[in-house]
């Protein structure tokens, strides 16, 4: 009997390895996929992290655009799309109230805990954050369910009863996003601290991909309700993936709720002003939609679409550097190296402004033809392109200073000062609402966009002023001349755009290929003119990017990559 058992065991042993050999031989793609995933899971340097975040954000932007364009093509801009815009206000507010307040101060506190207490102390801190977020999220969801119709009427007082009823139903579907996105935000911060930028990008790409696929295959069955349903499905899938990856990287959660931990108390203390700032900050876009609801139908949608487009551009072009600055500032702050922090702030301002300024110039002049190319099809016609394009043009100067404001924000948070940015944010919101009222009559819906641009720029100037007072300067003699060089180069580029648009105007009723051709006559040479002008005026940031580009082209790996998952 022992002999038979041994034979059976050996037979099963041989079959097992034969199957493995056959599987690996016949499906080599599996090995390649595993190697890629393991490489994405490895720790990355700052430069590699920026590249991975940028590439990931490009894919995210592409999929988000495709999803956005599909919604515009199927549903156009109607009272139903107004309902979507109104229904999303409260879930976005509560999601940011939970995640942004904790997320903004997470990195400085977590860096200190890892340095002083090690991985177990860090796991316990994350456990407390997630446990309290879960309880707070459930409470807020219940509160919104009980008062949903009242909230919708407050956000869109000028819309009809049908829009109110549809927005209320959508709001109830959106609510679980509050909890899912809040917890996932903490987990993503955990991955970012460990320099797992590739995994963060991968999860985000999968989220929007799943949402897009559900939208395509479900809109005939669910109608307009597919928009919140597809968003919820994508968020659920990305939450599960992010949790699985975090546990794979040895995150351990404990059922603890006590608040006696010093680090947790510090995090809550620093988060409280940010939470107030988030709530106050949301008054501005809510006020925009409240005022737009009294204008003609689909005005709320126009504001929402223009805001989404500028946020899409922000995610691709600006957000990667903001994420890297958050990690870098937090690590430097733990060393208490003020001079190094000042230099790092100056460098990040130059890096982000080099391409944020020309983006602003491109959108100021060419936003209408750009909107027509990307969205004009189906129920989205030339009139919608003009309306949203004009709105985006008034928002466009916002990009020229946005990166600076976000970077200085992160510098304050790394210094554990959350009060100054919040106080300035409250001032900006009050100023924005006042400007909304002043500019609405002479400029209509475009006045709402201009008010946001003006108050955001003023807030950035105040942030720079106060961070200079706090640190004794931030190397302004280094980045201010560089910023002026960017502005001069952008002005030359805009001059070419105006000339090109006069010589080769874009007809919104022309075919797509003709619109693309005439737009490329402006954008491609104009971008080249901007880069050449920055070189002529002696921009050091231009030389920095040029050297990086040369290094990427000429560098060769000295050893094969290690595809093992680093734990």
Protein backbone atom coordinates (compact mmCIF):
# COMPACT_ATOMS: atom_id res chain seq x y z
CA UNK A 1 0.00 0.00 0.00
CA UNK A 2 2.86 2.36 0.75
CA UNK A 3 4.33 1.57 -2.66
CA UNK A 4 1.01 2.40 -4.36
CA UNK A 5 0.71 5.62 -2.39
CA UNK A 6 4.23 6.63 -3.43
CA UNK A 7 3.41 5.87 -7.07
CA UNK A 8 0.23 7.92 -6.93
CA UNK A 9 2.09 10.79 -5.30
CA UNK A 10 4.87 10.68 -7.90
CA UNK A 11 2.31 10.53 -10.71
CA UNK A 12 0.48 13.59 -9.39
CA UNK A 13 3.79 15.35 -8.83
CA UNK A 14 4.84 14.75 -12.45
CA UNK A 15 1.45 15.76 -13.83
CA UNK A 16 1.54 19.00 -11.81
CA UNK A 17 4.91 20.08 -13.17
CA UNK A 18 4.07 18.89 -16.68
CA UNK A 19 1.01 21.10 -16.63
CA UNK A 20 3.05 24.05 -15.38
CA UNK A 21 5.65 23.54 -18.10
CA UNK A 22 2.96 23.23 -20.77
CA UNK A 23 1.16 26.31 -19.47
CA UNK A 24 4.31 28.45 -19.47
CA UNK A 25 5.41 27.12 -22.87
CA UNK A 26 2.09 27.63 -24.61
CA UNK A 27 1.09 30.91 -22.98
CA UNK A 28 4.23 33.04 -22.71
CA UNK A 29 2.07 36.14 -22.46
CA UNK A 30 1.24 35.15 -18.87
CA UNK A 31 4.89 35.37 -17.88
CA UNK A 32 5.20 38.74 -19.57
CA UNK A 33 2.10 40.04 -17.78
CA UNK A 34 3.39 38.86 -14.40
CA UNK A 35 6.77 40.48 -15.04
CA UNK A 36 5.13 43.77 -16.00
CA UNK A 37 2.92 43.74 -12.91
CA UNK A 38 5.87 42.94 -10.68
CA UNK A 39 7.87 45.75 -12.26
CA UNK A 40 4.99 48.17 -11.70
CA UNK A 41 4.89 46.99 -8.09
CA UNK A 42 8.54 47.82 -7.48
CA UNK A 43 9.76 50.97 -5.77
CA UNK A 44 10.56 53.82 -8.15
CA UNK A 45 12.73 56.93 -8.05
CA UNK A 46 11.27 60.44 -8.30
CA UNK A 47 11.92 60.63 -12.06
CA UNK A 48 10.49 57.16 -12.73
CA UNK A 49 7.55 57.95 -10.46
CA UNK A 50 6.78 61.11 -12.42
CA UNK A 51 6.93 59.16 -15.68
CA UNK A 52 4.64 56.41 -14.40
CA UNK A 53 2.13 58.86 -12.95
CA UNK A 54 2.18 60.87 -16.17
CA UNK A 55 1.71 57.82 -18.38
CA UNK A 56 -1.04 56.54 -16.12
CA UNK A 57 -2.76 59.91 -16.15
CA UNK A 58 -2.59 60.02 -19.94
CA UNK A 59 -4.44 56.68 -20.09
CA UNK A 60 -6.88 57.91 -17.44
CA UNK A 61 -7.48 61.11 -19.39
CA UNK A 62 -7.98 59.19 -22.63
CA UNK A 63 -10.51 56.80 -21.09
CA UNK A 64 -12.22 59.63 -19.19
CA UNK A 65 -12.47 61.60 -22.39
CA UNK A 66 -13.93 58.61 -24.25
CA UNK A 67 -16.48 58.09 -21.49
CA UNK A 68 -17.26 61.79 -21.34
CA UNK A 69 -17.59 62.02 -25.13
CA UNK A 70 -19.87 58.96 -25.15
CA UNK A 71 -22.16 60.58 -22.58
CA UNK A 72 -22.19 63.83 -24.59
CA UNK A 73 -22.92 61.98 -27.82
CA UNK A 74 -25.74 59.87 -26.38
CA UNK A 75 -27.43 62.40 -24.09
CA UNK A 76 -26.21 65.80 -25.37
CA UNK A 77 -26.83 68.75 -23.01
CA UNK A 78 -30.39 68.57 -21.67
CA UNK A 79 -32.31 68.77 -18.41
CA UNK A 80 -31.31 65.13 -17.79
CA UNK A 81 -27.61 65.99 -17.90
CA UNK A 82 -28.39 68.92 -15.59
CA UNK A 83 -29.72 66.32 -13.14
CA UNK A 84 -26.40 64.43 -13.28
CA UNK A 85 -24.44 67.62 -12.54
CA UNK A 86 -26.66 68.49 -9.59
CA UNK A 87 -26.67 64.95 -8.17
CA UNK A 88 -22.86 64.75 -8.15
CA UNK A 89 -22.33 67.85 -5.99
CA UNK A 90 -22.95 66.34 -2.55
CA UNK A 91 -21.14 62.98 -3.13
CA UNK A 92 -18.08 64.88 -4.37
CA UNK A 93 -18.23 67.20 -1.37
CA UNK A 94 -18.52 64.40 1.17
CA UNK A 95 -15.88 62.31 -0.58
CA UNK A 96 -13.42 65.19 -0.43
CA UNK A 97 -14.50 66.08 3.07
CA UNK A 98 -13.40 62.62 4.24
CA UNK A 99 -10.50 61.87 1.92
CA UNK A 100 -8.95 65.27 1.18
CA UNK A 101 -8.95 66.39 4.80
CA UNK A 102 -7.07 63.26 5.87
CA UNK A 103 -5.14 62.81 2.65
CA UNK A 104 -3.61 66.29 2.67
CA UNK A 105 -1.94 65.78 6.05
CA UNK A 106 -1.46 62.03 5.79
CA UNK A 107 2.01 62.11 4.25
CA UNK A 108 3.77 64.33 6.84
CA UNK A 109 2.30 62.37 9.78
CA UNK A 110 2.86 58.98 8.16
CA UNK A 111 6.48 59.87 7.37
CA UNK A 112 7.08 60.70 11.03
CA UNK A 113 5.39 57.52 12.24
CA UNK A 114 7.44 55.34 9.88
CA UNK A 115 10.63 57.04 11.03
CA UNK A 116 9.90 56.85 14.76
CA UNK A 117 7.66 53.81 15.22
CA UNK A 118 8.22 51.53 12.23
CA UNK A 119 5.78 49.59 10.07
CA UNK A 120 3.58 48.26 12.87
CA UNK A 121 2.91 51.75 14.23
CA UNK A 122 2.16 52.93 10.68
CA UNK A 123 -0.31 50.06 10.16
CA UNK A 124 -2.10 51.00 13.37
CA UNK A 125 -2.35 54.63 12.28
CA UNK A 126 -3.87 53.61 8.93
CA UNK A 127 -6.26 51.27 10.76
CA UNK A 128 -7.55 54.08 12.95
CA UNK A 129 -8.00 56.36 9.93
CA UNK A 130 -9.89 53.76 7.88
CA UNK A 131 -12.07 52.63 10.80
CA UNK A 132 -13.12 56.17 11.63
CA UNK A 133 -13.61 57.01 7.95
CA UNK A 134 -15.93 54.01 7.62
CA UNK A 135 -18.06 55.09 10.57
CA UNK A 136 -18.18 58.70 9.41
CA UNK A 137 -18.98 57.63 5.84
CA UNK A 138 -21.90 55.44 6.91
CA UNK A 139 -23.28 58.26 9.05
CA UNK A 140 -23.04 60.79 6.22
CA UNK A 141 -24.64 58.41 3.73
CA UNK A 142 -27.60 57.89 6.05
CA UNK A 143 -27.92 61.63 6.58
CA UNK A 144 -27.98 62.35 2.84
CA UNK A 145 -30.51 59.57 2.18
CA UNK A 146 -32.86 61.10 4.73
CA UNK A 147 -32.60 64.61 3.29
CA UNK A 148 -31.91 63.91 -0.41
CA UNK A 149 -34.80 65.85 -2.06
CA UNK A 150 -34.21 68.89 0.16
CA UNK A 151 -30.50 68.92 -0.75
CA UNK A 152 -31.26 68.69 -4.47
CA UNK A 153 -33.71 71.61 -4.28
CA UNK A 154 -31.07 73.71 -2.49
CA UNK A 155 -28.43 73.00 -5.17
CA UNK A 156 -30.74 73.50 -8.16
CA UNK A 157 -33.51 75.84 -7.02
CA UNK A 158 -34.24 76.98 -10.57
CA UNK A 159 -34.70 73.56 -12.23
CA UNK A 160 -38.02 71.81 -12.85
CA UNK A 161 -39.64 69.05 -10.80
CA UNK A 162 -38.62 66.32 -13.27
CA UNK A 163 -34.98 67.33 -12.97
CA UNK A 164 -35.25 67.37 -9.16
CA UNK A 165 -36.76 63.85 -9.02
CA UNK A 166 -34.17 62.40 -11.42
CA UNK A 167 -31.29 64.07 -9.57
CA UNK A 168 -32.55 62.62 -6.25
CA UNK A 169 -32.56 59.06 -7.63
CA UNK A 170 -29.08 59.55 -9.05
CA UNK A 171 -27.86 60.95 -5.74
CA UNK A 172 -28.81 57.74 -3.93
CA UNK A 173 -26.80 55.68 -6.44
CA UNK A 174 -23.77 57.98 -6.11
CA UNK A 175 -23.68 57.78 -2.30
CA UNK A 176 -21.58 54.58 -1.86
CA UNK A 177 -18.81 56.38 -3.77
CA UNK A 178 -18.28 58.45 -0.63
CA UNK A 179 -17.09 55.49 1.41
CA UNK A 180 -15.29 53.61 -1.37
CA UNK A 181 -13.27 56.57 -2.63
CA UNK A 182 -12.44 57.83 0.85
CA UNK A 183 -10.90 54.54 2.01
CA UNK A 184 -9.22 53.99 -1.35
CA UNK A 185 -7.65 57.44 -1.04
CA UNK A 186 -5.90 56.38 2.18
CA UNK A 187 -4.69 53.15 0.58
CA UNK A 188 -3.34 55.04 -2.43
CA UNK A 189 -1.43 57.38 -0.13
CA UNK A 190 0.09 54.29 1.49
CA UNK A 191 1.22 53.07 -1.94
CA UNK A 192 2.53 56.50 -2.95
CA UNK A 193 4.60 56.74 0.24
CA UNK A 194 6.19 53.43 -0.73
CA UNK A 195 6.96 54.86 -4.21
CA UNK A 196 4.56 52.38 -5.87
CA UNK A 197 3.49 54.93 -8.44
CA UNK A 198 2.96 52.31 -11.14
CA UNK A 199 0.39 50.43 -9.08
CA UNK A 200 -1.52 53.61 -8.23
CA UNK A 201 -1.71 54.52 -11.91
CA UNK A 202 -2.76 50.98 -12.85
CA UNK A 203 -5.65 50.96 -10.36
CA UNK A 204 -6.91 54.32 -11.58
CA UNK A 205 -6.77 53.22 -15.21
CA UNK A 206 -8.73 50.04 -14.42
CA UNK A 207 -11.38 52.08 -12.58
CA UNK A 208 -12.21 54.33 -15.50
CA UNK A 209 -11.90 51.45 -17.99
CA UNK A 210 -14.50 49.38 -16.12
CA UNK A 211 -16.77 52.41 -15.84
CA UNK A 212 -16.43 53.13 -19.57
CA UNK A 213 -17.20 49.53 -20.58
CA UNK A 214 -20.34 49.48 -18.39
CA UNK A 215 -21.47 52.75 -19.94
CA UNK A 216 -21.11 51.44 -23.49
CA UNK A 217 -22.95 48.18 -22.92
CA UNK A 218 -25.56 49.42 -20.45
CA UNK A 219 -26.87 52.75 -21.73
CA UNK A 220 -29.57 51.12 -23.88
CA UNK A 221 -30.91 49.21 -20.88
CA UNK A 222 -30.54 51.80 -18.11
CA UNK A 223 -30.78 55.07 -20.04
CA UNK A 224 -29.40 58.15 -18.29
CA UNK A 225 -29.13 56.16 -15.02
CA UNK A 226 -26.16 54.28 -16.50
CA UNK A 227 -23.96 57.30 -15.70
CA UNK A 228 -24.08 56.91 -11.88
CA UNK A 229 -24.30 53.09 -12.11
CA UNK A 230 -21.17 52.77 -14.26
CA UNK A 231 -19.28 55.16 -11.98
CA UNK A 232 -20.21 53.10 -8.92
CA UNK A 233 -19.13 49.81 -10.53
CA UNK A 234 -15.75 51.26 -11.53
CA UNK A 235 -15.16 52.62 -8.03
CA UNK A 236 -16.00 49.26 -6.45
CA UNK A 237 -13.57 47.36 -8.69
CA UNK A 238 -10.72 49.83 -8.08
CA UNK A 239 -11.37 49.73 -4.33
CA UNK A 240 -11.02 45.94 -4.29
CA UNK A 241 -7.83 46.09 -6.35
CA UNK A 242 -6.27 48.79 -4.19
CA UNK A 243 -7.10 46.86 -1.02
CA UNK A 244 -5.66 43.62 -2.42
CA UNK A 245 -2.42 45.35 -3.49
CA UNK A 246 -2.05 47.07 -0.12
CA UNK A 247 -2.44 43.79 1.75
CA UNK A 248 0.04 42.19 -0.65
CA UNK A 249 2.52 44.89 0.38
CA UNK A 250 2.04 43.91 4.03
CA UNK A 251 -0.49 46.47 5.15
CA UNK A 252 -2.22 45.09 8.23
CA UNK A 253 -5.45 46.47 9.61
CA UNK A 254 -6.53 46.25 13.24
CA UNK A 255 -10.00 46.70 14.78
CA UNK A 256 -8.98 49.74 16.81
CA UNK A 257 -10.91 52.95 17.36
CA UNK A 258 -9.31 54.57 20.42
CA UNK A 259 -8.11 58.12 19.84
CA UNK A 260 -5.40 58.25 22.50
CA UNK A 261 -2.65 57.76 19.93
CA UNK A 262 -0.62 60.99 19.59
CA UNK A 263 -0.13 60.70 15.85
CA UNK A 264 -3.82 60.11 15.19
CA UNK A 265 -4.73 63.11 17.34
CA UNK A 266 -2.24 65.26 15.43
CA UNK A 267 -3.72 64.06 12.14
CA UNK A 268 -7.27 64.91 13.26
CA UNK A 269 -6.14 68.27 14.60
CA UNK A 270 -4.45 69.16 11.31
CA UNK A 271 -7.34 67.77 9.25
CA UNK A 272 -10.04 69.82 10.97
CA UNK A 273 -9.13 73.15 9.31
CA UNK A 274 -8.84 71.41 5.94
CA UNK A 275 -12.30 69.88 6.38
CA UNK A 276 -13.68 73.36 7.02
CA UNK A 277 -11.80 74.57 3.96
CA UNK A 278 -13.19 71.77 1.79
CA UNK A 279 -16.75 72.55 2.86
CA UNK A 280 -16.22 76.25 2.28
CA UNK A 281 -14.42 75.64 -1.02
CA UNK A 282 -17.37 73.72 -2.35
CA UNK A 283 -19.59 76.74 -1.89
CA UNK A 284 -18.05 78.31 -5.00
CA UNK A 285 -18.97 75.56 -7.51
CA UNK A 286 -22.31 75.08 -5.76
CA UNK A 287 -22.98 78.80 -6.10
CA UNK A 288 -22.07 78.53 -9.80
CA UNK A 289 -24.65 75.80 -10.31
CA UNK A 290 -27.29 77.56 -8.22
CA UNK A 291 -26.95 80.69 -10.35
CA UNK A 292 -26.73 78.68 -13.58
CA UNK A 293 -29.95 76.84 -12.70
CA UNK A 294 -31.85 80.14 -13.17
CA UNK A 295 -30.47 80.55 -16.69
CA UNK A 296 -31.65 78.64 -19.75
CA UNK A 297 -31.86 74.84 -19.70
CA UNK A 298 -28.53 72.96 -19.84
CA UNK A 299 -26.59 75.88 -18.30
CA UNK A 300 -25.76 73.70 -15.30
CA UNK A 301 -24.46 71.06 -17.71
CA UNK A 302 -22.33 73.63 -19.55
CA UNK A 303 -20.65 74.69 -16.27
CA UNK A 304 -20.16 71.06 -15.30
CA UNK A 305 -18.69 70.05 -18.68
CA UNK A 306 -16.24 72.96 -18.75
CA UNK A 307 -15.17 72.15 -15.19
CA UNK A 308 -14.65 68.49 -16.05
CA UNK A 309 -12.54 69.35 -19.07
CA UNK A 310 -10.24 71.65 -17.12
CA UNK A 311 -9.96 69.06 -14.36
CA UNK A 312 -9.09 66.45 -16.98
CA UNK A 313 -6.26 68.64 -18.24
CA UNK A 314 -5.14 69.25 -14.66
CA UNK A 315 -4.97 65.51 -13.94
CA UNK A 316 -2.77 64.84 -16.95
CA UNK A 317 -0.48 67.85 -16.97
CA UNK A 318 -0.22 69.06 -13.38
CA UNK A 319 -1.27 66.38 -10.90
CA UNK A 320 1.79 64.07 -11.28
CA UNK A 321 4.16 66.82 -10.14
CA UNK A 322 1.81 67.77 -7.31
CA UNK A 323 1.84 64.18 -6.01
CA UNK A 324 5.63 64.05 -6.20
CA UNK A 325 5.95 67.40 -4.45
CA UNK A 326 3.76 66.13 -1.60
CA UNK A 327 6.06 63.16 -1.00
CA UNK A 328 9.25 65.20 -1.42
CA UNK A 329 8.16 68.05 0.87
CA UNK A 330 7.04 65.64 3.59
CA UNK A 331 10.36 63.79 3.64
CA UNK A 332 12.35 67.05 3.68
CA UNK A 333 10.17 68.47 6.46
CA UNK A 334 10.93 65.45 8.67
CA UNK A 335 14.63 66.35 8.28
CA UNK A 336 13.84 69.97 9.30
CA UNK A 337 15.96 71.19 6.39
CA UNK A 338 14.37 74.56 5.56
CA UNK A 339 16.92 75.57 2.92
CA UNK A 340 16.40 72.34 1.02
CA UNK A 341 12.63 72.78 1.25
CA UNK A 342 12.87 76.29 -0.21
CA UNK A 343 14.95 75.02 -3.11
CA UNK A 344 12.53 72.16 -3.74
CA UNK A 345 9.51 74.50 -3.77
CA UNK A 346 11.26 76.77 -6.28
CA UNK A 347 12.20 73.83 -8.51
CA UNK A 348 8.69 72.37 -8.58
CA UNK A 349 7.19 75.78 -9.40
CA UNK A 350 9.52 76.08 -12.41
CA UNK A 351 8.91 72.52 -13.59
CA UNK A 352 5.12 72.77 -13.53
CA UNK A 353 4.90 76.33 -14.87
CA UNK A 354 6.98 75.54 -17.95
CA UNK A 355 4.07 73.68 -19.52
CA UNK A 356 1.11 75.04 -17.50
CA UNK A 357 1.57 78.55 -18.90
CA UNK A 358 1.44 77.53 -22.61
CA UNK A 359 -1.54 75.25 -21.91
CA UNK A 360 -3.35 78.32 -20.62
CA UNK A 361 -2.44 80.23 -23.78
CA UNK A 362 -3.62 77.44 -26.08
CA UNK A 363 -7.00 77.21 -24.38
CA UNK A 364 -7.58 80.97 -24.29
CA UNK A 365 -7.48 81.18 -28.10
CA UNK A 366 -8.37 77.70 -29.33
CA UNK A 367 -10.84 76.27 -26.80
CA UNK A 368 -13.87 76.38 -29.14
CA UNK A 369 -12.31 74.39 -32.04
CA UNK A 370 -10.74 72.00 -29.52
CA UNK A 371 -14.14 71.28 -27.95
CA UNK A 372 -15.66 70.75 -31.40
CA UNK A 373 -13.01 68.20 -32.33
CA UNK A 374 -13.21 66.19 -29.13
CA UNK A 375 -16.94 66.25 -28.43
CA UNK A 376 -18.98 67.45 -31.43
CA UNK A 377 -20.92 64.42 -32.60
CA UNK A 378 -24.38 62.90 -32.10
CA UNK A 379 -26.52 65.16 -29.90
CA UNK A 380 -23.56 67.46 -29.21
CA UNK A 381 -23.55 70.07 -32.00
CA UNK A 382 -21.74 73.32 -32.98
CA UNK A 383 -23.83 75.43 -30.62
CA UNK A 384 -22.78 73.29 -27.64
CA UNK A 385 -19.14 73.52 -28.80
CA UNK A 386 -19.30 77.32 -28.83
CA UNK A 387 -21.01 77.58 -25.48
CA UNK A 388 -18.69 75.26 -23.58
CA UNK A 389 -15.64 76.49 -25.53
CA UNK A 390 -16.27 80.11 -24.51
CA UNK A 391 -16.68 78.99 -20.90
CA UNK A 392 -13.39 77.08 -21.04
CA UNK A 393 -11.64 80.13 -22.51
CA UNK A 394 -12.63 82.18 -19.43
CA UNK A 395 -11.39 79.36 -17.18
CA UNK A 396 -8.09 79.02 -19.11
CA UNK A 397 -5.90 81.62 -17.31
CA UNK A 398 -6.55 79.50 -14.20
CA UNK A 399 -3.97 76.97 -15.47
CA UNK A 400 -1.12 79.50 -15.54
CA UNK A 401 -1.09 79.75 -11.74
CA UNK A 402 -2.82 76.55 -10.60
CA UNK A 403 0.36 74.50 -10.26
CA UNK A 404 2.01 77.18 -8.14
CA UNK A 405 -0.94 77.33 -5.76
CA UNK A 406 -1.15 73.56 -5.38
CA UNK A 407 2.60 73.23 -4.75
CA UNK A 408 2.62 75.96 -2.10
CA UNK A 409 -0.44 74.32 -0.51
CA UNK A 410 1.55 71.09 -0.13
CA UNK A 411 4.47 73.01 1.33
CA UNK A 412 2.20 74.40 4.07
CA UNK A 413 0.83 70.93 4.80
CA UNK A 414 4.34 69.45 5.04
CA UNK A 415 5.09 72.11 7.68
CA UNK A 416 1.91 71.00 9.50
CA UNK A 417 0.27 74.36 8.87
CA UNK A 418 -3.24 73.68 7.64
CA UNK A 419 -4.79 76.90 8.92
CA UNK A 420 -3.19 79.38 6.48
CA UNK A 421 -4.32 77.63 3.25
CA UNK A 422 -7.81 77.13 4.67
CA UNK A 423 -8.24 80.76 5.74
CA UNK A 424 -7.13 81.90 2.29
CA UNK A 425 -9.48 79.34 0.73
CA UNK A 426 -12.43 80.72 2.70
CA UNK A 427 -11.54 84.24 1.58
CA UNK A 428 -11.31 83.06 -2.06
CA UNK A 429 -14.75 81.42 -1.89
CA UNK A 430 -16.41 84.53 -0.46
CA UNK A 431 -14.69 86.69 -3.08
CA UNK A 432 -15.73 84.23 -5.79
CA UNK A 433 -19.40 84.34 -4.79
CA UNK A 434 -19.31 88.14 -4.73
CA UNK A 435 -17.70 88.27 -8.19
CA UNK A 436 -20.27 85.75 -9.45
CA UNK A 437 -23.05 88.15 -8.61
CA UNK A 438 -21.18 91.12 -10.10
CA UNK A 439 -20.14 89.45 -13.37
CA UNK A 440 -23.24 87.32 -14.06
CA UNK A 441 -25.31 90.13 -15.56
CA UNK A 442 -22.74 91.62 -17.98
CA UNK A 443 -21.08 88.31 -19.00
CA UNK A 444 -23.79 85.71 -18.36
CA UNK A 445 -22.56 82.19 -17.66
CA UNK A 446 -18.99 83.15 -18.69
CA UNK A 447 -18.92 85.55 -15.74
CA UNK A 448 -19.04 82.56 -13.39
CA UNK A 449 -15.90 81.11 -15.00
CA UNK A 450 -14.07 84.44 -14.94
CA UNK A 451 -14.86 84.89 -11.24
CA UNK A 452 -13.27 81.51 -10.49
CA UNK A 453 -10.15 82.41 -12.48
CA UNK A 454 -9.66 85.79 -10.79
CA UNK A 455 -10.16 84.59 -7.22
CA UNK A 456 -7.97 81.51 -7.76
CA UNK A 457 -5.14 83.70 -9.03
CA UNK A 458 -5.46 86.07 -6.09
CA UNK A 459 -5.41 83.15 -3.66
CA UNK A 460 -2.18 81.84 -5.22
CA UNK A 461 -0.52 85.25 -4.77
CA UNK A 462 -1.50 85.30 -1.10
CA UNK A 463 -0.23 81.73 -0.61
CA UNK A 464 3.17 82.67 -2.07
CA UNK A 465 3.31 85.77 0.12
CA UNK A 466 2.63 83.86 3.33
CA UNK A 467 4.95 80.93 2.55
CA UNK A 468 7.73 83.48 1.94
CA UNK A 469 7.06 85.01 5.34
CA UNK A 470 7.02 81.56 6.94
CA UNK A 471 10.28 80.34 5.37
CA UNK A 472 12.10 83.62 4.87
CA UNK A 473 11.76 83.42 1.08
CA UNK A 474 11.38 80.57 -1.41
CA UNK A 475 14.16 81.44 -3.87
CA UNK A 476 11.96 83.91 -5.74
CA UNK A 477 15.01 85.34 -7.47
CA UNK A 478 15.31 81.93 -9.14
CA UNK A 479 11.77 81.12 -10.28
CA UNK A 480 10.25 84.60 -10.84
CA UNK A 481 12.56 85.46 -13.79
CA UNK A 482 11.89 81.99 -15.18
CA UNK A 483 8.13 82.52 -14.92
CA UNK A 484 8.46 85.84 -16.75
CA UNK A 485 10.36 84.03 -19.53
CA UNK A 486 7.48 81.56 -19.79
CA UNK A 487 4.96 84.42 -20.04
CA UNK A 488 6.96 86.17 -22.77
CA UNK A 489 7.26 82.93 -24.74
CA UNK A 490 3.53 82.22 -24.31
CA UNK A 491 2.70 85.73 -25.55
CA UNK A 492 4.71 85.10 -28.74
CA UNK A 493 2.88 81.78 -29.16
CA UNK A 494 -0.54 83.42 -28.68
CA UNK A 495 0.37 86.02 -31.30
CA UNK A 496 0.98 83.21 -33.78
CA UNK A 497 -2.34 81.56 -32.80
CA UNK A 498 -4.26 84.77 -33.49
CA UNK A 499 -2.56 85.20 -36.85
CA UNK A 500 -3.17 81.57 -37.81
CA UNK A 501 -6.83 81.72 -36.72
CA UNK A 502 -7.33 84.83 -38.87
CA UNK A 503 -5.67 83.28 -41.92
CA UNK A 504 -7.13 79.78 -41.46
CA UNK A 505 -10.39 80.04 -39.47
CA UNK A 506 -11.97 76.82 -38.23
CA UNK A 507 -15.52 76.20 -39.48
CA UNK A 508 -17.44 74.27 -36.80
CA UNK A 509 -19.78 72.90 -39.48
CA UNK A 510 -16.90 71.50 -41.54
CA UNK A 511 -15.93 67.83 -41.48
CA UNK A 512 -13.90 66.52 -38.56
CA UNK A 513 -10.78 66.00 -40.70
CA UNK A 514 -10.85 69.62 -41.90
CA UNK A 515 -11.29 70.96 -38.38
CA UNK A 516 -8.36 68.86 -37.16
CA UNK A 517 -6.18 70.03 -40.07
CA UNK A 518 -6.81 73.73 -39.49
CA UNK A 519 -6.33 73.36 -35.74
CA UNK A 520 -3.01 71.56 -36.20
CA UNK A 521 -1.80 74.46 -38.35
CA UNK A 522 -2.08 76.52 -35.18
CA UNK A 523 -1.10 74.17 -32.36
CA UNK A 524 1.94 72.32 -33.75
CA UNK A 525 3.93 75.34 -34.99
CA UNK A 526 2.71 77.40 -32.02
CA UNK A 527 4.05 74.88 -29.51
CA UNK A 528 7.37 74.77 -31.38
CA UNK A 529 7.50 78.58 -31.28
CA UNK A 530 6.96 78.53 -27.50
CA UNK A 531 9.76 76.01 -26.92
CA UNK A 532 12.13 77.87 -29.27
CA UNK A 533 11.37 81.19 -27.58
CA UNK A 534 12.10 79.78 -24.12
CA UNK A 535 15.46 78.64 -25.48
CA UNK A 536 16.17 82.07 -26.99
CA UNK A 537 15.36 83.95 -23.77
CA UNK A 538 17.73 81.67 -21.84
CA UNK A 539 15.33 79.54 -19.78
CA UNK A 540 17.17 77.17 -17.45
CA UNK A 541 14.04 75.05 -17.15
CA UNK A 542 14.11 74.52 -20.92
CA UNK A 543 17.70 73.27 -20.60
CA UNK A 544 16.67 71.00 -17.72
CA UNK A 545 13.92 69.34 -19.75
CA UNK A 546 16.19 69.13 -22.79
CA UNK A 547 18.86 67.31 -20.79
CA UNK A 548 16.25 64.94 -19.36
CA UNK A 549 14.97 64.22 -22.85
CA UNK A 550 18.50 63.53 -24.11
CA UNK A 551 19.16 61.28 -21.15
CA UNK A 552 16.04 59.23 -21.86
CA UNK A 553 17.02 58.84 -25.51
CA UNK A 554 20.67 57.96 -24.93
CA UNK A 555 20.66 56.06 -21.66
CA UNK A 556 21.01 52.30 -21.65
CA UNK A 557 20.32 49.96 -18.78
CA UNK A 558 23.50 48.56 -17.28
CA UNK A 559 21.70 45.51 -15.93
CA UNK A 560 18.45 43.69 -16.69
CA UNK A 561 15.42 44.90 -14.75
CA UNK A 562 14.39 43.07 -11.60
CA UNK A 563 10.73 42.13 -11.97
CA UNK A 564 10.29 40.72 -8.49
CA UNK A 565 7.70 42.36 -6.27
CA UNK A 566 9.53 44.29 -3.57
CA UNK A 567 7.84 43.81 -0.23
